[in-house]
PDB file of N, CA and C in Angstrom:
ATOM      1  N   MET A   1      -9.106   3.009 -27.475  1.00  0.00           N
ATOM      2  CA  MET A   1      -9.874   3.118 -26.260  1.00  0.00           C
ATOM      3  C   MET A   1      -8.927   2.973 -25.082  1.00  0.00           C
ATOM      4  N   ILE A   2      -9.125   3.801 -24.088  1.00  0.00           N
ATOM      5  CA  ILE A   2      -8.355   3.711 -22.853  1.00  0.00           C
ATOM      6  C   ILE A   2      -9.347   3.450 -21.727  1.00  0.00           C
ATOM      7  N   ALA A   3      -9.119   2.392 -20.964  1.00  0.00           N
ATOM      8  CA  ALA A   3      -9.981   2.059 -19.828  1.00  0.00           C
ATOM      9  C   ALA A   3      -9.114   2.021 -18.579  1.00  0.00           C
ATOM     10  N   TYR A   4      -9.633   2.592 -17.504  1.00  0.00           N
ATOM     11  CA  TYR A   4      -8.868   2.583 -16.261  1.00  0.00           C
ATOM     12  C   TYR A   4      -9.791   2.589 -15.052  1.00  0.00           C
ATOM     13  N   MET A   5      -9.252   2.156 -13.921  1.00  0.00           N
ATOM     14  CA  MET A   5      -9.966   2.143 -12.646  1.00  0.00           C
ATOM     15  C   MET A   5      -9.241   3.077 -11.684  1.00  0.00           C
ATOM     16  N   LEU A   6     -10.001   3.714 -10.800  1.00  0.00           N
ATOM     17  CA  LEU A   6      -9.436   4.558  -9.763  1.00  0.00           C
ATOM     18  C   LEU A   6      -9.581   3.811  -8.438  1.00  0.00           C
ATOM     19  N   PHE A   7      -8.480   3.257  -7.944  1.00  0.00           N
ATOM     20  CA  PHE A   7      -8.545   2.410  -6.756  1.00  0.00           C
ATOM     21  C   PHE A   7      -8.717   3.195  -5.465  1.00  0.00           C
ATOM     22  N   GLU A   8      -8.188   4.383  -5.400  1.00  0.00           N
ATOM     23  CA  GLU A   8      -8.223   5.162  -4.161  1.00  0.00           C
ATOM     24  C   GLU A   8      -9.318   6.223  -4.168  1.00  0.00           C
ATOM     25  N   ASP A   9     -10.271   6.116  -5.073  1.00  0.00           N
ATOM     26  CA  ASP A   9     -11.338   7.103  -5.177  1.00  0.00           C
ATOM     27  C   ASP A   9     -12.417   6.809  -4.145  1.00  0.00           C
ATOM     28  N   THR A  10     -12.344   7.450  -3.001  1.00  0.00           N
ATOM     29  CA  THR A  10     -13.316   7.209  -1.937  1.00  0.00           C
ATOM     30  C   THR A  10     -14.491   8.173  -2.005  1.00  0.00           C
ATOM     31  N   LYS A  11     -14.502   9.093  -2.964  1.00  0.00           N
ATOM     32  CA  LYS A  11     -15.594  10.053  -3.076  1.00  0.00           C
ATOM     33  C   LYS A  11     -16.710   9.554  -3.986  1.00  0.00           C
ATOM     34  N   GLN A  12     -16.430   8.576  -4.815  1.00  0.00           N
ATOM     35  CA  GLN A  12     -17.444   8.017  -5.706  1.00  0.00           C
ATOM     36  C   GLN A  12     -18.375   7.100  -4.915  1.00  0.00           C
ATOM     37  N   HIS A  13     -19.648   7.158  -5.264  1.00  0.00           N
ATOM     38  CA  HIS A  13     -20.605   6.289  -4.602  1.00  0.00           C
ATOM     39  C   HIS A  13     -21.192   5.275  -5.571  1.00  0.00           C
ATOM     40  N   ASN A  14     -20.623   5.179  -6.751  1.00  0.00           N
ATOM     41  CA  ASN A  14     -21.088   4.206  -7.732  1.00  0.00           C
ATOM     42  C   ASN A  14     -20.576   2.821  -7.384  1.00  0.00           C
ATOM     43  N   LYS A  15     -21.228   1.821  -7.946  1.00  0.00           N
ATOM     44  CA  LYS A  15     -20.713   0.463  -7.791  1.00  0.00           C
ATOM     45  C   LYS A  15     -19.389   0.348  -8.539  1.00  0.00           C
ATOM     46  N   PRO A  16     -18.655  -0.748  -8.368  1.00  0.00           N
ATOM     47  CA  PRO A  16     -17.344  -0.884  -9.040  1.00  0.00           C
ATOM     48  C   PRO A  16     -17.470  -0.595 -10.539  1.00  0.00           C
ATOM     49  N   HIS A  17     -16.562   0.239 -11.043  1.00  0.00           N
ATOM     50  CA  HIS A  17     -16.679   0.687 -12.421  1.00  0.00           C
ATOM     51  C   HIS A  17     -15.317   1.026 -13.010  1.00  0.00           C
ATOM     52  N   ILE A  18     -15.332   1.222 -14.331  1.00  0.00           N
ATOM     53  CA  ILE A  18     -14.148   1.694 -15.038  1.00  0.00           C
ATOM     54  C   ILE A  18     -14.508   2.986 -15.762  1.00  0.00           C
ATOM     55  N   HIS A  19     -13.489   3.759 -16.060  1.00  0.00           N
ATOM     56  CA  HIS A  19     -13.639   4.972 -16.853  1.00  0.00           C
ATOM     57  C   HIS A  19     -13.061   4.660 -18.233  1.00  0.00           C
ATOM     58  N   VAL A  20     -13.758   5.098 -19.274  1.00  0.00           N
ATOM     59  CA  VAL A  20     -13.313   4.813 -20.639  1.00  0.00           C
ATOM     60  C   VAL A  20     -13.226   6.117 -21.422  1.00  0.00           C
ATOM     61  N   HIS A  21     -12.111   6.294 -22.127  1.00  0.00           N
ATOM     62  CA  HIS A  21     -11.921   7.422 -23.041  1.00  0.00           C
ATOM     63  C   HIS A  21     -11.778   6.849 -24.446  1.00  0.00           C
ATOM     64  N   TYR A  22     -12.512   7.430 -25.372  1.00  0.00           N
ATOM     65  CA  TYR A  22     -12.414   7.041 -26.771  1.00  0.00           C
ATOM     66  C   TYR A  22     -12.614   8.301 -27.605  1.00  0.00           C
ATOM     67  N   GLY A  23     -11.545   8.833 -28.146  1.00  0.00           N
ATOM     68  CA  GLY A  23     -11.632  10.087 -28.882  1.00  0.00           C
ATOM     69  C   GLY A  23     -12.216  11.171 -27.995  1.00  0.00           C
ATOM     70  N   ASP A  24     -13.292  11.787 -28.433  1.00  0.00           N
ATOM     71  CA  ASP A  24     -13.967  12.824 -27.648  1.00  0.00           C
ATOM     72  C   ASP A  24     -14.997  12.260 -26.682  1.00  0.00           C
ATOM     73  N   PHE A  25     -15.183  10.950 -26.691  1.00  0.00           N
ATOM     74  CA  PHE A  25     -16.181  10.311 -25.831  1.00  0.00           C
ATOM     75  C   PHE A  25     -15.582   9.941 -24.483  1.00  0.00           C
ATOM     76  N   ARG A  26     -16.401  10.051 -23.446  1.00  0.00           N
ATOM     77  CA  ARG A  26     -16.031   9.645 -22.091  1.00  0.00           C
ATOM     78  C   ARG A  26     -17.204   8.872 -21.512  1.00  0.00           C
ATOM     79  N   ALA A  27     -16.922   7.805 -20.784  1.00  0.00           N
ATOM     80  CA  ALA A  27     -17.995   7.021 -20.178  1.00  0.00           C
ATOM     81  C   ALA A  27     -17.510   6.392 -18.885  1.00  0.00           C
ATOM     82  N   VAL A  28     -18.464   6.122 -18.008  1.00  0.00           N
ATOM     83  CA  VAL A  28     -18.217   5.363 -16.790  1.00  0.00           C
ATOM     84  C   VAL A  28     -19.103   4.131 -16.902  1.00  0.00           C
ATOM     85  N   ILE A  29     -18.465   2.953 -16.843  1.00  0.00           N
ATOM     86  CA  ILE A  29     -19.186   1.699 -17.050  1.00  0.00           C
ATOM     87  C   ILE A  29     -18.947   0.792 -15.853  1.00  0.00           C
ATOM     88  N   ALA A  30     -20.044   0.306 -15.265  1.00  0.00           N
ATOM     89  CA  ALA A  30     -19.943  -0.612 -14.138  1.00  0.00           C
ATOM     90  C   ALA A  30     -19.320  -1.915 -14.605  1.00  0.00           C
ATOM     91  N   VAL A  31     -18.689  -2.623 -13.689  1.00  0.00           N
ATOM     92  CA  VAL A  31     -18.049  -3.898 -14.028  1.00  0.00           C
ATOM     93  C   VAL A  31     -19.078  -4.884 -14.577  1.00  0.00           C
ATOM     94  N   ASP A  32     -20.338  -4.750 -14.175  1.00  0.00           N
ATOM     95  CA  ASP A  32     -21.382  -5.635 -14.703  1.00  0.00           C
ATOM     96  C   ASP A  32     -21.886  -5.192 -16.078  1.00  0.00           C
ATOM     97  N   GLY A  33     -21.305  -4.109 -16.651  1.00  0.00           N
ATOM     98  CA  GLY A  33     -21.642  -3.668 -18.000  1.00  0.00           C
ATOM     99  C   GLY A  33     -22.628  -2.523 -18.082  1.00  0.00           C
ATOM    100  N   GLU A  34     -23.170  -2.077 -16.963  1.00  0.00           N
ATOM    101  CA  GLU A  34     -24.134  -0.974 -16.975  1.00  0.00           C
ATOM    102  C   GLU A  34     -23.423   0.353 -17.262  1.00  0.00           C
ATOM    103  N   LEU A  35     -23.967   1.128 -18.180  1.00  0.00           N
ATOM    104  CA  LEU A  35     -23.440   2.457 -18.481  1.00  0.00           C
ATOM    105  C   LEU A  35     -23.929   3.399 -17.393  1.00  0.00           C
ATOM    106  N   LEU A  36     -23.015   3.910 -16.572  1.00  0.00           N
ATOM    107  CA  LEU A  36     -23.374   4.758 -15.439  1.00  0.00           C
ATOM    108  C   LEU A  36     -23.381   6.237 -15.797  1.00  0.00           C
ATOM    109  N   ALA A  37     -22.510   6.647 -16.711  1.00  0.00           N
ATOM    110  CA  ALA A  37     -22.428   8.058 -17.095  1.00  0.00           C
ATOM    111  C   ALA A  37     -21.738   8.177 -18.441  1.00  0.00           C
ATOM    112  N   GLY A  38     -22.008   9.275 -19.137  1.00  0.00           N
ATOM    113  CA  GLY A  38     -21.347   9.533 -20.404  1.00  0.00           C
ATOM    114  C   GLY A  38     -21.906   8.706 -21.541  1.00  0.00           C
ATOM    115  N   SER A  39     -21.097   8.569 -22.584  1.00  0.00           N
ATOM    116  CA  SER A  39     -21.528   7.806 -23.758  1.00  0.00           C
ATOM    117  C   SER A  39     -20.323   7.326 -24.546  1.00  0.00           C
ATOM    118  N   LEU A  40     -20.571   6.285 -25.318  1.00  0.00           N
ATOM    119  CA  LEU A  40     -19.606   5.728 -26.271  1.00  0.00           C
ATOM    120  C   LEU A  40     -20.383   5.327 -27.514  1.00  0.00           C
ATOM    121  N   PRO A  41     -19.733   5.309 -28.672  1.00  0.00           N
ATOM    122  CA  PRO A  41     -20.404   4.741 -29.851  1.00  0.00           C
ATOM    123  C   PRO A  41     -20.778   3.288 -29.561  1.00  0.00           C
ATOM    124  N   ASN A  42     -21.864   2.816 -30.162  1.00  0.00           N
ATOM    125  CA  ASN A  42     -22.364   1.460 -29.881  1.00  0.00           C
ATOM    126  C   ASN A  42     -21.303   0.381 -30.028  1.00  0.00           C
ATOM    127  N   ARG A  43     -20.508   0.455 -31.089  1.00  0.00           N
ATOM    128  CA  ARG A  43     -19.494  -0.579 -31.320  1.00  0.00           C
ATOM    129  C   ARG A  43     -18.490  -0.631 -30.165  1.00  0.00           C
ATOM    130  N   GLN A  44     -17.998   0.515 -29.724  1.00  0.00           N
ATOM    131  CA  GLN A  44     -17.018   0.555 -28.643  1.00  0.00           C
ATOM    132  C   GLN A  44     -17.659   0.134 -27.321  1.00  0.00           C
ATOM    133  N   LEU A  45     -18.916   0.500 -27.105  1.00  0.00           N
ATOM    134  CA  LEU A  45     -19.608   0.062 -25.895  1.00  0.00           C
ATOM    135  C   LEU A  45     -19.734  -1.455 -25.856  1.00  0.00           C
ATOM    136  N   LYS A  46     -20.050  -2.060 -27.000  1.00  0.00           N
ATOM    137  CA  LYS A  46     -20.143  -3.529 -27.069  1.00  0.00           C
ATOM    138  C   LYS A  46     -18.777  -4.168 -26.820  1.00  0.00           C
ATOM    139  N   ILE A  47     -17.727  -3.577 -27.360  1.00  0.00           N
ATOM    140  CA  ILE A  47     -16.379  -4.119 -27.156  1.00  0.00           C
ATOM    141  C   ILE A  47     -16.015  -4.085 -25.679  1.00  0.00           C
ATOM    142  N   ILE A  48     -16.223  -2.955 -25.016  1.00  0.00           N
ATOM    143  CA  ILE A  48     -15.811  -2.834 -23.615  1.00  0.00           C
ATOM    144  C   ILE A  48     -16.697  -3.670 -22.702  1.00  0.00           C
ATOM    145  N   THR A  49     -17.995  -3.759 -22.969  1.00  0.00           N
ATOM    146  CA  THR A  49     -18.842  -4.602 -22.122  1.00  0.00           C
ATOM    147  C   THR A  49     -18.532  -6.077 -22.340  1.00  0.00           C
ATOM    148  N   GLY A  50     -18.174  -6.453 -23.556  1.00  0.00           N
ATOM    149  CA  GLY A  50     -17.742  -7.827 -23.810  1.00  0.00           C
ATOM    150  C   GLY A  50     -16.453  -8.140 -23.080  1.00  0.00           C
ATOM    151  N   TRP A  51     -15.513  -7.197 -23.101  1.00  0.00           N
ATOM    152  CA  TRP A  51     -14.249  -7.375 -22.381  1.00  0.00           C
ATOM    153  C   TRP A  51     -14.508  -7.518 -20.891  1.00  0.00           C
ATOM    154  N   LEU A  52     -15.394  -6.677 -20.351  1.00  0.00           N
ATOM    155  CA  LEU A  52     -15.722  -6.766 -18.925  1.00  0.00           C
ATOM    156  C   LEU A  52     -16.362  -8.111 -18.585  1.00  0.00           C
ATOM    157  N   ALA A  53     -17.204  -8.625 -19.459  1.00  0.00           N
ATOM    158  CA  ALA A  53     -17.837  -9.922 -19.207  1.00  0.00           C
ATOM    159  C   ALA A  53     -16.796 -11.035 -19.142  1.00  0.00           C
ATOM    160  N   VAL A  54     -15.822 -10.986 -20.032  1.00  0.00           N
ATOM    161  CA  VAL A  54     -14.779 -12.017 -20.067  1.00  0.00           C
ATOM    162  C   VAL A  54     -13.857 -11.907 -18.853  1.00  0.00           C
ATOM    163  N   TYR A  55     -13.495 -10.680 -18.460  1.00  0.00           N
ATOM    164  CA  TYR A  55     -12.510 -10.469 -17.403  1.00  0.00           C
ATOM    165  C   TYR A  55     -13.109  -9.958 -16.086  1.00  0.00           C
ATOM    166  N   GLU A  56     -14.417 -10.128 -15.911  1.00  0.00           N
ATOM    167  CA  GLU A  56     -15.100  -9.599 -14.726  1.00  0.00           C
ATOM    168  C   GLU A  56     -14.449 -10.057 -13.422  1.00  0.00           C
ATOM    169  N   GLU A  57     -14.124 -11.317 -13.319  1.00  0.00           N
ATOM    170  CA  GLU A  57     -13.520 -11.844 -12.092  1.00  0.00           C
ATOM    171  C   GLU A  57     -12.186 -11.161 -11.800  1.00  0.00           C
ATOM    172  N   GLU A  58     -11.356 -10.995 -12.820  1.00  0.00           N
ATOM    173  CA  GLU A  58     -10.065 -10.343 -12.640  1.00  0.00           C
ATOM    174  C   GLU A  58     -10.220  -8.866 -12.286  1.00  0.00           C
ATOM    175  N   VAL A  59     -11.203  -8.201 -12.890  1.00  0.00           N
ATOM    176  CA  VAL A  59     -11.429  -6.786 -12.605  1.00  0.00           C
ATOM    177  C   VAL A  59     -11.855  -6.606 -11.152  1.00  0.00           C
ATOM    178  N   TYR A  60     -12.714  -7.473 -10.654  1.00  0.00           N
ATOM    179  CA  TYR A  60     -13.137  -7.374  -9.249  1.00  0.00           C
ATOM    180  C   TYR A  60     -11.971  -7.607  -8.297  1.00  0.00           C
ATOM    181  N   LYS A  61     -10.991  -8.422  -8.698  1.00  0.00           N
ATOM    182  CA  LYS A  61      -9.828  -8.688  -7.851  1.00  0.00           C
ATOM    183  C   LYS A  61      -8.887  -7.489  -7.804  1.00  0.00           C
ATOM    184  N   ALA A  62      -8.903  -6.650  -8.846  1.00  0.00           N
ATOM    185  CA  ALA A  62      -7.968  -5.521  -8.962  1.00  0.00           C
ATOM    186  C   ALA A  62      -8.150  -4.487  -7.915  1.00  0.00           C
TER     187      ALA A  62
END
C-alpha cells in the first residue's frame, strides 16, 4: 500500500485526506477515516484507517 498527501493541492475541496494506492485499487480517505472516493479491499481499508487513528495528530501537523 502506498499512502501520500498532496500539500500544495489548492484545487481540492475535500477535508484533509490521503490518497492510497493498492494494486489496482485507488482511494481517497479523510484523516478522520471517512472514505471520500474510490475503494480498497476491506482488510486494507481497516489497516489504513487504523493507522490514521494512531497517527492522526502527526498527519494533521504534516
